Protein backbone atom coordinates (compact mmCIF):
# COMPACT_ATOMS: atom_id res chain seq x y z
CA MET A 1 25.16 -8.79 -18.06
CA MET A 2 22.45 -7.36 -20.29
CA LEU A 3 18.95 -7.13 -19.02
CA ASN A 4 16.24 -8.79 -21.04
CA ARG A 5 13.87 -6.02 -22.13
CA ARG A 6 10.79 -7.80 -20.77
CA ASP A 7 12.52 -8.51 -17.45
CA PHE A 8 13.28 -4.85 -17.00
CA GLN A 9 9.79 -3.78 -18.03
CA ALA A 10 8.12 -6.14 -15.57
CA VAL A 11 10.32 -5.20 -12.62
CA SER A 12 10.30 -1.49 -13.41
CA GLY A 13 6.53 -1.63 -13.84
CA VAL A 14 6.20 -3.01 -10.33
CA ALA A 15 8.49 -0.27 -9.02
CA LEU A 16 6.60 2.43 -10.92
CA CYS A 17 3.16 1.28 -9.73
CA THR A 18 4.21 0.89 -6.11
CA GLY A 19 6.02 4.21 -6.12
CA GLY A 20 2.94 5.83 -7.68
CA ALA A 21 0.64 4.33 -5.05
CA LEU A 22 2.87 5.55 -2.24
CA GLY A 23 3.17 8.93 -3.92
CA LEU A 24 -0.61 9.28 -4.14
CA ALA A 25 -0.94 8.40 -0.47
CA LEU A 26 1.60 11.06 0.49
CA ILE A 27 -0.02 13.66 -1.78
CA ALA A 28 -3.40 12.91 -0.16
CA GLN A 29 -1.84 13.19 3.27
CA TYR A 30 0.32 16.28 2.88
CA GLY A 31 -1.22 17.99 -0.15
CA PHE A 32 -4.91 17.59 0.71
CA ASN A 33 -4.68 17.20 4.48
CA LEU A 34 -6.30 13.74 4.43
CA TRP A 35 -4.63 12.24 7.47
CA PRO A 36 -4.34 8.45 7.52
CA CYS A 37 -5.54 6.19 10.25
CA THR A 38 -3.66 3.20 11.64
CA ILE A 39 -4.94 0.76 8.98
CA CYS A 40 -4.02 3.27 6.27
CA TYR A 41 -0.42 3.09 7.47
CA TRP A 42 -0.62 -0.73 7.47
CA GLN A 43 -1.60 -0.60 3.78
CA ARG A 44 1.60 1.26 2.90
CA VAL A 45 3.90 -1.46 4.25
CA PRO A 46 3.42 -4.02 1.41
CA TYR A 47 3.94 -1.23 -1.13
CA ILE A 48 7.19 -0.19 0.59
CA PHE A 49 8.50 -3.77 0.55
CA ALA A 50 7.47 -4.26 -3.10
CA LEU A 51 9.18 -1.00 -4.09
CA ALA A 52 12.38 -1.97 -2.29
CA LEU A 53 12.42 -5.46 -3.81
CA ALA A 54 11.69 -4.17 -7.33
CA GLY A 55 14.40 -1.52 -6.96
CA LEU A 56 16.92 -4.17 -6.02
CA ALA A 57 15.77 -6.48 -8.82
CA MET A 58 16.39 -3.75 -11.41
CA MET A 59 20.12 -3.95 -10.72
CA PRO A 60 22.00 -5.51 -13.66
CA ALA A 61 23.72 -8.11 -11.45
CA VAL A 62 20.39 -9.80 -10.64
CA ASP A 63 19.70 -12.84 -12.83
CA ALA A 64 16.40 -13.55 -14.56
CA PRO A 65 15.15 -16.28 -12.21
CA SER A 66 15.73 -14.00 -9.23
CA ARG A 67 13.87 -11.17 -10.91
CA ARG A 68 10.99 -13.50 -11.62
CA LEU A 69 10.95 -14.54 -7.97
CA VAL A 70 10.84 -10.86 -6.93
CA VAL A 71 7.83 -10.22 -9.17
CA MET A 72 6.17 -13.33 -7.72
CA VAL A 73 6.78 -12.09 -4.17
CA CYS A 74 5.43 -8.68 -5.17
CA ALA A 75 2.27 -10.34 -6.48
CA GLY A 76 1.85 -11.92 -3.05
CA LEU A 77 2.50 -8.55 -1.37
CA PHE A 78 -0.18 -6.94 -3.54
CA ALA A 79 -2.64 -9.71 -2.66
CA LEU A 80 -1.83 -9.24 1.04
CA ASN A 81 -2.39 -5.51 0.64
CA ALA A 82 -5.78 -6.17 -0.98
CA GLY A 83 -6.69 -8.18 2.13
CA ILE A 84 -5.60 -5.38 4.46
CA ALA A 85 -7.51 -2.83 2.38
CA PHE A 86 -10.61 -5.08 2.38
CA TYR A 87 -10.34 -5.34 6.15
CA HIS A 88 -10.23 -1.51 6.24
CA VAL A 89 -13.32 -1.29 4.02
CA GLY A 90 -15.11 -3.65 6.42
CA VAL A 91 -14.19 -1.41 9.36
CA GLU A 92 -15.40 1.65 7.47
CA MET A 93 -18.67 -0.08 6.60
CA ARG A 94 -18.93 -1.24 10.23
CA TRP A 95 -19.05 -4.91 9.23
CA TRP A 96 -16.53 -5.61 12.00
CA PRO A 97 -14.69 -3.58 14.61
CA GLY A 98 -11.32 -2.06 13.88
CA PRO A 99 -8.17 -2.45 15.95
CA ALA A 100 -7.93 -0.88 19.38
CA GLU A 101 -5.53 1.78 18.05
CA CYS A 102 -8.40 3.22 16.00
CA ALA A 103 -10.82 3.62 18.86
CA GLY A 104 -10.61 6.50 21.25
CA ARG A 105 -9.41 5.57 24.70
CA VAL A 106 -10.11 7.35 27.94
CA GLN A 107 -6.81 8.33 29.52
CA GLU A 108 -5.74 10.55 32.33
CA PHE A 109 -4.27 13.75 31.02
CA SER A 110 -3.24 17.16 32.17
CA VAL A 111 -3.96 20.55 30.68
CA ASP A 112 -0.39 20.60 29.35
CA ASP A 113 -1.01 17.32 27.54
CA LEU A 114 -4.16 18.76 26.03
CA MET A 115 -2.40 21.91 24.87
CA SER A 116 0.44 19.96 23.25
CA ALA A 117 -2.12 17.68 21.53
CA LEU A 118 -3.81 20.69 19.99
CA ASN A 119 -0.57 21.58 18.22
CA GLN A 120 -0.20 18.19 16.52
CA PRO A 121 -1.88 17.06 13.32
CA GLY A 122 -5.13 15.21 13.83
CA ARG A 123 -5.62 11.51 13.33
CA THR A 124 -8.81 10.09 11.99
CA GLY A 125 -10.59 7.03 13.22
CA CYS A 126 -10.40 3.91 11.05
CA GLU A 127 -14.15 3.76 10.63
CA ASP A 128 -14.43 7.26 9.16
CA PRO A 129 -13.19 7.46 5.55
CA ALA A 130 -11.11 10.57 4.91
CA PHE A 131 -12.29 10.71 1.27
CA VAL A 132 -15.08 9.09 -0.73
CA PHE A 133 -15.45 9.30 -4.51
CA LEU A 134 -18.24 7.55 -6.44
CA GLY A 135 -19.18 5.67 -3.32
CA LEU A 136 -15.76 4.16 -2.68
CA SER A 137 -13.27 5.21 -0.04
CA MET A 138 -9.52 5.32 -0.60
CA ALA A 139 -9.35 1.87 1.03
CA GLY A 140 -11.91 0.60 -1.51
CA TYR A 141 -9.86 1.91 -4.39
CA ASN A 142 -6.79 0.30 -2.82
CA VAL A 143 -8.55 -3.08 -2.83
CA ILE A 144 -9.14 -2.73 -6.57
CA ALA A 145 -5.65 -1.38 -7.32
CA SER A 146 -3.94 -4.11 -5.25
CA LEU A 147 -5.95 -6.87 -6.90
CA VAL A 148 -5.17 -5.49 -10.35
CA LEU A 149 -1.47 -5.20 -9.51
CA ALA A 150 -1.44 -8.74 -8.07
CA GLY A 151 -3.06 -10.06 -11.23
CA LEU A 152 -0.74 -8.20 -13.56
CA ALA A 153 2.32 -9.32 -11.61
CA TRP A 154 1.12 -12.91 -11.70
CA VAL A 155 0.51 -12.72 -15.46
CA ALA A 156 4.07 -11.41 -15.83
CA VAL A 157 5.43 -14.29 -13.75
CA LYS A 158 3.63 -16.79 -16.02
CA GLN A 159 5.36 -15.41 -19.16
CA ARG A 160 8.20 -17.95 -19.18
CA THR A 161 9.92 -16.43 -22.23
CA TRP A 162 10.42 -13.14 -20.36
CA TRP A 163 12.61 -14.74 -17.70
CA SER A 164 15.07 -16.70 -19.78
């Protein structure tokens, strides 16, 4: 079965964008030592699902209506991710409290626990942005990127001639 050129471009575009977003997150984490918080990890999940779905949809055995459905689901995943990222921006701006995992908790510990914790990479709180550029945190840029990706995926879904 031959892939329609537009089908392949739409699905591979989703895969390329989601792979790029995940790649940037990993470069920030490991290349620039910008350690993610709990909500940062939550924001990676929709991208991982979208990348997996797009990768499967690029297989030649997948028919056009199924590929269109995958791009539609990815549009929803991007919109969900924009919501998670907006929630993170709200926590950073202190509009609302973050999850309990982000707040420090008082626990009993021993000196051995403290010494082992010193040898592990640090974790940031959700309310403290690891990086800000032009007044926007990485979560703020993720809101914009996710909304753009959701819009582009939805526009692709609406192109009926691409999926026939």
